[in-house]
Amino acid sequence: MPLRVLVAAFGDPGHAFPAIALARALHGRGHEVVVETWEERRAAVEGAGLRFAAAEEYRMFPPPGPDSEDGQHAAAAARALQPLLEELDPHVAVSDILTLAPALAAERAGVPLATLIPHLYPVVEPGLPFFAIGMRRARTPVGRAVWRFGQRALAVGLEQGRHDLNRQRERLGLAPLDRFHGGISPALALVATYPQLEYPRRWPAGVEVTGPMVFEQPFPEIELPPGGDPLVLVAPSTAHDSENHLVRTALRALRDEPVRIVATTNRVRPQRPIEVPPNAVLVDWLSYTQLMPAAALVVSHGGHGTVARALGAGTPLLVSPITGDMSETAMRVDWFGAGLSLPWRLCRTRPLRWAVRRLLDEPSFAARAGAIAAWGRQHDGAVRGAELVEQLAAR
């Protein structure tokens, strides 16, 4: 039976593009879908054949206080969504983990809700390291006991988050929640990552690891450096590293190595010229569809979208995380053996060159990345997510 579905997402590419991929899969299955996200994503949404609705734009970091003008945004934005909900009358809604307003609006309207998590699952199980600090899971009972003890400190922050969320809920006439992570739907959470990157754990009911949800806007192919040496792709974050430090360091480190280099600024405009060696090309933007399968190695900050595209092509990674959950993603890649993690403080010429040499010389890294790619060829994350959303609507 055709459904009416609202898919809402934060506007950064790492959140908007997986949401568009899910919406496109739902649309392909015969459903009417509206994607609510930032105005700058209108062309991408409409280019995918989907209906677009503009979302209010707001900052996430650092989070504003709940009593400030910005802090009252979620409740106000949820009220502003009421006309769209009344017009669409959705059977089900999907809200990105960073978009609290659509989740509150859907609950207020009695619409079944799923949460889209376009990265690793952020909820910590007792005995596992805190999320986003980039530490490996404990290998001994003593180590697990230390992390369980540390849950007390983590609970303080979670309690503050619950208090702030309940202030927003009170403004909308919604009952307070007595659980942590209230922004994640208990009915269905779609974790759009590879299961190989998740630590073994007891998964809560309603949490489904679907595999990545991939979307890319078409972009012309670029000319690769000539020759037959291994190709190294340097693909930094689109939102961080304003000094282009990763690109500059990689180009210096690899200028005399037997490799070809394709580096992209990802539209982070250089504040001063970048020296490009003879074995490299530097572009403003490129197509992952072209470059990921051609690359022998990807050097990245660790944005989940870039990591997922590399692993989906069977390409190992060197990840130098700069902020946010990049440290967590880098450690999971290292832990599974599909790449190495280079701490940002060590992102210098010699350490980077050493890491690249090791990744290219030791075949185990490509083999582990290839194992993830083989799983990905059998599991389409967007299609699986669409099936689960259909099941939620049918309950």
Protein backbone atom coordinates (compact mmCIF):
# COMPACT_ATOMS: atom_id res chain seq x y z
CA MET A 1 0.00 0.00 0.00
CA PRO A 2 1.53 3.39 -0.92
CA LEU A 3 2.59 5.44 2.08
CA ARG A 4 3.06 9.13 2.70
CA VAL A 5 6.46 9.62 4.35
CA LEU A 6 8.23 12.64 5.81
CA VAL A 7 12.04 12.34 5.88
CA ALA A 8 13.78 15.16 7.78
CA ALA A 9 17.52 15.70 8.00
CA PHE A 10 20.21 18.08 9.20
CA GLY A 11 21.73 19.89 6.24
CA ASP A 12 25.37 18.78 6.39
CA PRO A 13 26.21 16.29 3.60
CA GLY A 14 26.96 13.51 6.08
CA HIS A 15 23.36 13.70 7.30
CA ALA A 16 21.40 15.04 4.33
CA PHE A 17 22.77 12.60 1.73
CA PRO A 18 21.90 9.37 3.64
CA ALA A 19 18.42 10.80 4.20
CA ILE A 20 18.06 11.48 0.47
CA ALA A 21 19.22 7.92 -0.26
CA LEU A 22 16.55 6.52 2.07
CA ALA A 23 13.89 8.83 0.62
CA ARG A 24 14.83 7.78 -2.91
CA ALA A 25 14.53 4.10 -1.96
CA LEU A 26 11.09 4.73 -0.45
CA HIS A 27 10.02 6.68 -3.53
CA GLY A 28 11.25 3.86 -5.75
CA ARG A 29 8.97 1.48 -3.85
CA GLY A 30 5.94 3.57 -4.76
CA HIS A 31 5.61 5.86 -1.76
CA GLU A 32 5.02 9.62 -1.64
CA VAL A 33 8.02 11.18 0.10
CA VAL A 34 8.79 14.72 1.24
CA VAL A 35 12.35 15.55 2.30
CA GLU A 36 12.70 18.41 4.77
CA THR A 37 16.24 19.78 5.03
CA TRP A 38 18.27 22.92 4.40
CA GLU A 39 17.61 25.08 1.35
CA GLU A 40 21.10 24.41 -0.04
CA ARG A 41 20.08 20.75 -0.56
CA ARG A 42 17.03 21.61 -2.67
CA ALA A 43 18.79 20.81 -5.97
CA ALA A 44 20.00 17.45 -4.67
CA VAL A 45 16.54 16.49 -3.37
CA GLU A 46 14.65 17.60 -6.46
CA GLY A 47 17.34 16.15 -8.72
CA ALA A 48 16.60 12.78 -7.12
CA GLY A 49 12.94 13.17 -8.13
CA LEU A 50 11.74 13.95 -4.62
CA ARG A 51 9.61 16.71 -3.15
CA PHE A 52 11.55 19.26 -1.10
CA ALA A 53 10.51 21.25 1.98
CA ALA A 54 12.84 23.87 3.47
CA ALA A 55 13.84 23.36 7.09
CA GLU A 56 14.82 26.03 9.55
CA GLU A 57 18.61 26.18 9.86
CA TYR A 58 20.35 26.34 13.20
CA ARG A 59 23.68 25.62 14.78
CA MET A 60 24.42 22.43 16.67
CA PHE A 61 27.82 23.01 18.27
CA PRO A 62 28.20 24.16 20.92
CA PRO A 63 24.62 23.36 21.89
CA PRO A 64 22.70 26.38 23.18
CA GLY A 65 21.18 26.52 26.65
CA PRO A 66 17.51 25.46 26.75
CA ASP A 67 16.40 28.84 28.11
CA SER A 68 18.24 30.92 25.51
CA GLU A 69 16.57 32.14 22.35
CA ASP A 70 18.47 29.55 20.31
CA GLY A 71 17.77 26.92 22.93
CA GLN A 72 14.02 27.26 22.42
CA HIS A 73 14.43 26.56 18.73
CA ALA A 74 13.42 22.88 18.78
CA ALA A 75 9.97 23.49 20.24
CA ALA A 76 9.34 26.51 18.02
CA ALA A 77 10.51 24.62 14.93
CA ALA A 78 8.28 21.69 15.84
CA ARG A 79 5.27 24.02 15.91
CA ALA A 80 6.35 25.49 12.57
CA LEU A 81 6.19 22.01 11.05
CA GLN A 82 2.51 21.59 11.86
CA PRO A 83 1.24 22.97 8.50
CA LEU A 84 3.46 20.55 6.57
CA LEU A 85 2.28 17.63 8.69
CA GLU A 86 -1.34 18.63 8.24
CA GLU A 87 -0.88 18.90 4.47
CA LEU A 88 1.07 15.66 4.00
CA ASP A 89 -0.73 13.69 6.74
CA PRO A 90 2.15 11.17 6.80
CA HIS A 91 1.73 7.54 7.70
CA VAL A 92 5.26 7.57 9.13
CA ALA A 93 8.14 10.01 9.66
CA VAL A 94 11.90 9.53 9.65
CA SER A 95 13.99 12.09 11.51
CA ASP A 96 17.77 12.38 11.38
CA ILE A 97 19.43 12.03 14.78
CA LEU A 98 20.41 15.73 14.74
CA THR A 99 16.92 17.01 13.87
CA LEU A 100 14.95 17.06 17.09
CA ALA A 101 12.15 19.33 15.87
CA PRO A 102 10.65 16.86 13.32
CA ALA A 103 10.80 14.10 15.91
CA LEU A 104 8.88 16.24 18.42
CA ALA A 105 6.41 17.38 15.78
CA ALA A 106 5.73 13.80 14.68
CA GLU A 107 5.16 12.64 18.25
CA ARG A 108 2.86 15.59 18.90
CA ALA A 109 0.84 14.65 15.78
CA GLY A 110 0.73 10.96 16.69
CA VAL A 111 2.80 9.91 13.66
CA PRO A 112 4.98 6.77 14.00
CA LEU A 113 8.62 7.82 14.06
CA ALA A 114 11.93 6.28 13.02
CA THR A 115 15.35 7.79 13.71
CA LEU A 116 18.06 7.75 11.04
CA ILE A 117 21.59 7.52 12.47
CA PRO A 118 23.98 7.99 9.53
CA HIS A 119 27.08 6.86 11.42
CA LEU A 120 28.11 4.52 14.22
CA TYR A 121 25.57 3.85 16.98
CA PRO A 122 26.31 6.48 19.65
CA VAL A 123 24.63 4.87 22.67
CA VAL A 124 27.20 3.39 25.03
CA GLU A 125 26.67 -0.05 26.54
CA PRO A 126 28.16 -0.56 30.04
CA GLY A 127 31.65 -1.95 29.65
CA LEU A 128 32.29 -0.24 26.31
CA PRO A 129 34.35 2.98 25.87
CA PHE A 130 32.56 6.30 25.78
CA PHE A 131 31.47 7.23 22.27
CA ALA A 132 33.52 9.68 20.18
CA ILE A 133 36.72 9.59 22.26
CA GLY A 134 38.28 7.04 19.92
CA MET A 135 39.35 4.31 22.34
CA ARG A 136 39.28 0.57 21.71
CA ARG A 137 36.97 -1.77 23.56
CA ALA A 138 38.48 -3.35 26.65
CA ARG A 139 40.01 -6.81 26.21
CA THR A 140 39.99 -7.86 29.87
CA PRO A 141 37.39 -8.02 32.66
CA VAL A 142 39.31 -5.31 34.53
CA GLY A 143 39.15 -2.97 31.55
CA ARG A 144 35.42 -3.54 31.14
CA ALA A 145 34.92 -2.90 34.85
CA VAL A 146 36.72 0.43 34.53
CA TRP A 147 34.38 1.53 31.73
CA ARG A 148 31.34 0.36 33.69
CA PHE A 149 32.49 2.46 36.63
CA GLY A 150 32.93 5.40 34.28
CA GLN A 151 29.26 5.17 33.34
CA ARG A 152 28.51 7.15 36.49
CA ALA A 153 30.30 10.18 35.08
CA LEU A 154 28.65 9.72 31.69
CA ALA A 155 25.23 9.57 33.34
CA VAL A 156 25.70 13.12 34.64
CA GLY A 157 25.88 14.49 31.10
CA LEU A 158 23.06 12.27 29.91
CA GLU A 159 20.88 13.49 32.74
CA GLN A 160 21.49 17.08 31.71
CA GLY A 161 20.55 16.18 28.14
CA ARG A 162 17.35 14.55 29.32
CA HIS A 163 16.49 17.61 31.41
CA ASP A 164 17.02 19.94 28.41
CA LEU A 165 14.93 17.71 26.15
CA ASN A 166 12.11 17.58 28.65
CA ARG A 167 12.08 21.39 28.77
CA GLN A 168 11.40 21.36 25.02
CA ARG A 169 8.76 18.66 25.42
CA GLU A 170 7.03 20.67 28.15
CA ARG A 171 6.75 23.64 25.78
CA LEU A 172 4.87 21.36 23.35
CA GLY A 173 2.63 19.75 25.92
CA LEU A 174 4.42 16.39 25.69
CA ALA A 175 4.99 14.20 28.71
CA PRO A 176 8.54 14.09 30.11
CA LEU A 177 10.78 11.12 29.32
CA ASP A 178 12.43 9.02 32.00
CA ARG A 179 15.03 7.48 29.63
CA PHE A 180 18.26 8.79 28.24
CA HIS A 181 18.82 9.41 24.49
CA GLY A 182 15.26 10.62 24.11
CA GLY A 183 16.00 11.90 20.61
CA ILE A 184 16.28 8.31 19.33
CA SER A 185 12.99 6.61 18.59
CA PRO A 186 12.47 3.43 20.63
CA ALA A 187 10.26 2.10 17.83
CA LEU A 188 12.94 2.08 15.11
CA ALA A 189 16.50 3.37 14.87
CA LEU A 190 18.20 2.88 11.50
CA VAL A 191 21.97 2.73 12.01
CA ALA A 192 23.38 3.34 8.54
CA THR A 193 26.86 1.91 8.95
CA TYR A 194 28.66 -1.36 8.35
CA PRO A 195 28.14 -3.96 11.09
CA GLN A 196 31.86 -4.78 10.86
CA LEU A 197 32.59 -1.37 12.41
CA GLU A 198 30.34 -1.93 15.42
CA TYR A 199 31.74 -3.46 18.60
CA PRO A 200 29.98 -6.70 19.65
CA ARG A 201 27.17 -5.77 22.01
CA ARG A 202 23.58 -6.52 23.06
CA TRP A 203 21.48 -4.53 20.61
CA PRO A 204 18.34 -2.86 22.01
CA ALA A 205 14.99 -3.75 20.51
CA GLY A 206 14.18 -1.51 17.58
CA VAL A 207 17.80 -0.83 16.60
CA GLU A 208 18.73 -2.09 13.12
CA VAL A 209 22.17 -1.83 11.47
CA THR A 210 21.24 -1.49 7.82
CA GLY A 211 24.53 -0.70 6.11
CA PRO A 212 25.38 2.76 4.72
CA MET A 213 22.82 4.71 2.73
CA VAL A 214 24.69 6.16 -0.23
CA PHE A 215 23.82 9.20 -2.30
CA GLU A 216 26.05 11.35 -4.50
CA GLN A 217 25.24 14.19 -6.83
CA PRO A 218 26.58 13.62 -10.36
CA PHE A 219 29.91 15.29 -11.06
CA PRO A 220 32.18 15.17 -14.14
CA GLU A 221 35.13 12.79 -14.05
CA ILE A 222 38.58 14.30 -13.60
CA GLU A 223 41.82 13.39 -15.34
CA LEU A 224 44.01 11.19 -13.16
CA PRO A 225 47.79 11.56 -12.87
CA PRO A 226 49.49 9.44 -15.55
CA GLY A 227 51.32 6.19 -14.85
CA GLY A 228 50.67 2.90 -13.13
CA ASP A 229 51.71 3.65 -9.54
CA PRO A 230 49.12 3.13 -6.79
CA LEU A 231 46.59 5.95 -6.56
CA VAL A 232 46.17 7.69 -3.21
CA LEU A 233 43.02 9.78 -2.76
CA VAL A 234 43.19 12.59 -0.19
CA ALA A 235 39.59 13.41 0.73
CA PRO A 236 39.28 15.79 3.70
CA SER A 237 36.22 16.91 5.59
CA THR A 238 33.79 19.31 3.93
CA ALA A 239 33.16 21.14 7.21
CA HIS A 240 36.47 21.28 9.07
CA ASP A 241 40.21 21.89 8.55
CA SER A 242 39.94 25.44 7.24
CA GLU A 243 43.74 25.54 6.80
CA ASN A 244 43.71 22.49 4.47
CA HIS A 245 46.27 20.93 6.78
CA LEU A 246 45.57 17.33 5.81
CA VAL A 247 45.87 18.04 2.09
CA ARG A 248 49.06 20.07 2.52
CA THR A 249 50.66 17.43 4.75
CA ALA A 250 49.76 14.54 2.44
CA LEU A 251 51.10 16.31 -0.65
CA ARG A 252 54.39 17.07 1.11
CA ALA A 253 54.71 13.58 2.56
CA LEU A 254 54.04 11.72 -0.69
CA ARG A 255 55.70 13.98 -3.27
CA ASP A 256 58.72 11.63 -3.65
CA GLU A 257 56.87 8.34 -3.07
CA PRO A 258 56.05 5.88 -5.89
CA VAL A 259 52.38 6.84 -5.86
CA ARG A 260 49.96 9.00 -7.81
CA ILE A 261 47.93 11.45 -5.75
CA VAL A 262 44.51 12.96 -6.25
CA ALA A 263 43.67 15.51 -3.57
CA THR A 264 40.53 17.59 -3.20
CA THR A 265 39.88 20.64 -1.08
CA ASN A 266 36.21 19.61 -0.96
CA ARG A 267 35.39 23.27 -1.53
CA VAL A 268 37.22 24.45 1.59
CA ARG A 269 38.81 27.48 -0.05
CA PRO A 270 42.59 27.64 0.61
CA GLN A 271 43.62 30.74 2.52
CA ARG A 272 47.09 30.54 0.92
CA PRO A 273 48.45 28.63 -2.09
CA ILE A 274 48.88 24.85 -1.86
CA GLU A 275 52.04 23.43 -3.45
CA VAL A 276 51.14 20.52 -5.75
CA PRO A 277 53.98 18.07 -6.60
CA PRO A 278 54.42 16.54 -10.08
CA ASN A 279 52.85 13.21 -9.07
CA ALA A 280 49.62 14.85 -7.87
CA VAL A 281 46.55 16.75 -8.99
CA LEU A 282 44.50 19.01 -6.75
CA VAL A 283 40.84 19.69 -7.49
CA ASP A 284 38.03 21.57 -5.81
CA TRP A 285 35.56 18.66 -5.97
CA LEU A 286 35.40 15.16 -7.40
CA SER A 287 33.21 12.10 -7.81
CA TYR A 288 33.64 9.36 -5.24
CA THR A 289 32.01 7.03 -7.75
CA GLN A 290 34.99 7.57 -10.05
CA LEU A 291 37.81 7.79 -7.50
CA MET A 292 37.02 5.31 -4.73
CA PRO A 293 37.23 2.15 -6.91
CA ALA A 294 40.38 3.47 -8.61
CA ALA A 295 42.21 4.27 -5.37
CA ALA A 296 44.58 1.93 -3.56
CA LEU A 297 44.26 4.06 -0.41
CA VAL A 298 42.08 6.89 0.89
CA VAL A 299 43.46 9.51 3.31
CA SER A 300 40.64 11.18 5.22
CA HIS A 301 39.62 13.00 8.38
CA GLY A 302 37.16 10.21 9.09
CA GLY A 303 33.81 11.62 8.13
CA HIS A 304 31.52 8.61 8.09
CA GLY A 305 30.29 9.19 4.55
CA THR A 306 33.82 9.19 3.11
CA VAL A 307 34.83 6.17 5.18
CA ALA A 308 31.74 4.24 4.09
CA ARG A 309 32.36 5.02 0.41
CA ALA A 310 35.99 3.89 0.65
CA LEU A 311 35.15 0.64 2.42
CA GLY A 312 32.27 0.03 0.03
CA ALA A 313 34.84 0.05 -2.77
CA GLY A 314 37.17 -2.25 -0.83
CA THR A 315 39.72 0.53 -0.34
CA PRO A 316 41.67 0.76 2.94
CA LEU A 317 41.95 4.05 4.81
CA LEU A 318 44.36 6.25 6.68
CA VAL A 319 42.18 8.32 9.00
CA SER A 320 43.43 11.40 10.85
CA PRO A 321 40.42 12.57 12.89
CA ILE A 322 40.05 16.25 13.66
CA THR A 323 36.79 16.60 15.63
CA GLY A 324 33.45 15.11 16.66
CA ASP A 325 32.85 11.41 16.10
CA MET A 326 35.74 11.14 13.61
CA SER A 327 37.98 9.71 16.35
CA GLU A 328 35.44 6.95 16.94
CA THR A 329 35.19 6.12 13.25
CA ALA A 330 38.99 6.12 12.91
CA MET A 331 39.38 3.71 15.80
CA ARG A 332 36.73 1.33 14.46
CA VAL A 333 38.47 1.22 11.06
CA ASP A 334 41.77 0.51 12.82
CA TRP A 335 40.15 -2.06 15.13
CA PHE A 336 38.66 -4.03 12.23
CA GLY A 337 41.96 -3.91 10.37
CA ALA A 338 40.71 -2.01 7.31
CA GLY A 339 43.07 0.90 7.87
CA LEU A 340 45.08 2.90 10.37
CA SER A 341 44.28 5.78 12.68
CA LEU A 342 46.73 8.70 12.78
CA PRO A 343 45.94 11.11 15.64
CA TRP A 344 45.54 14.70 14.51
CA ARG A 345 48.46 15.85 16.66
CA LEU A 346 50.66 13.41 14.67
CA CYS A 347 49.36 14.50 11.27
CA ARG A 348 52.79 15.52 10.06
CA THR A 349 54.96 14.60 7.11
CA ARG A 350 56.95 11.68 8.50
CA PRO A 351 54.16 9.86 10.40
CA LEU A 352 51.80 10.21 7.46
CA ARG A 353 54.41 8.90 4.99
CA TRP A 354 55.18 5.92 7.25
CA ALA A 355 51.50 5.06 7.61
CA VAL A 356 50.88 5.24 3.86
CA ARG A 357 53.85 2.97 3.17
CA ARG A 358 52.58 0.39 5.65
CA LEU A 359 49.05 0.46 4.30
CA LEU A 360 50.24 -0.04 0.73
CA ASP A 361 52.83 -2.69 1.60
CA GLU A 362 50.72 -4.94 3.85
CA PRO A 363 47.92 -6.70 1.92
CA SER A 364 45.89 -7.47 5.05
CA PHE A 365 44.41 -3.96 5.08
CA ALA A 366 43.01 -4.26 1.55
CA ALA A 367 41.75 -7.75 2.36
CA ARG A 368 39.80 -6.52 5.38
CA ALA A 369 38.38 -3.58 3.43
CA GLY A 370 37.45 -6.03 0.68
CA ALA A 371 35.52 -8.15 3.17
CA ILE A 372 33.38 -5.14 4.08
CA ALA A 373 32.86 -4.36 0.38
CA ALA A 374 31.71 -7.94 -0.24
CA TRP A 375 29.12 -7.58 2.55
CA GLY A 376 28.01 -4.24 1.12
CA ARG A 377 27.39 -5.72 -2.32
CA GLN A 378 24.86 -8.05 -0.73
CA HIS A 379 23.19 -5.48 1.53
CA ASP A 380 21.75 -2.19 0.27
CA GLY A 381 21.36 0.01 3.35
CA ALA A 382 18.77 2.35 1.82
CA VAL A 383 16.59 -0.52 0.58
CA ARG A 384 16.78 -2.27 3.94
CA GLY A 385 15.91 0.99 5.67
CA ALA A 386 12.90 1.47 3.39
CA GLU A 387 11.67 -2.05 4.22
CA LEU A 388 11.94 -1.34 7.95
CA VAL A 389 10.10 1.98 7.60
CA GLU A 390 7.31 0.15 5.79
CA GLN A 391 7.12 -2.37 8.61
CA LEU A 392 6.91 0.42 11.17
CA ALA A 393 4.03 2.05 9.30
CA ALA A 394 2.21 -1.27 9.18
CA ARG A 395 2.28 -1.89 12.93
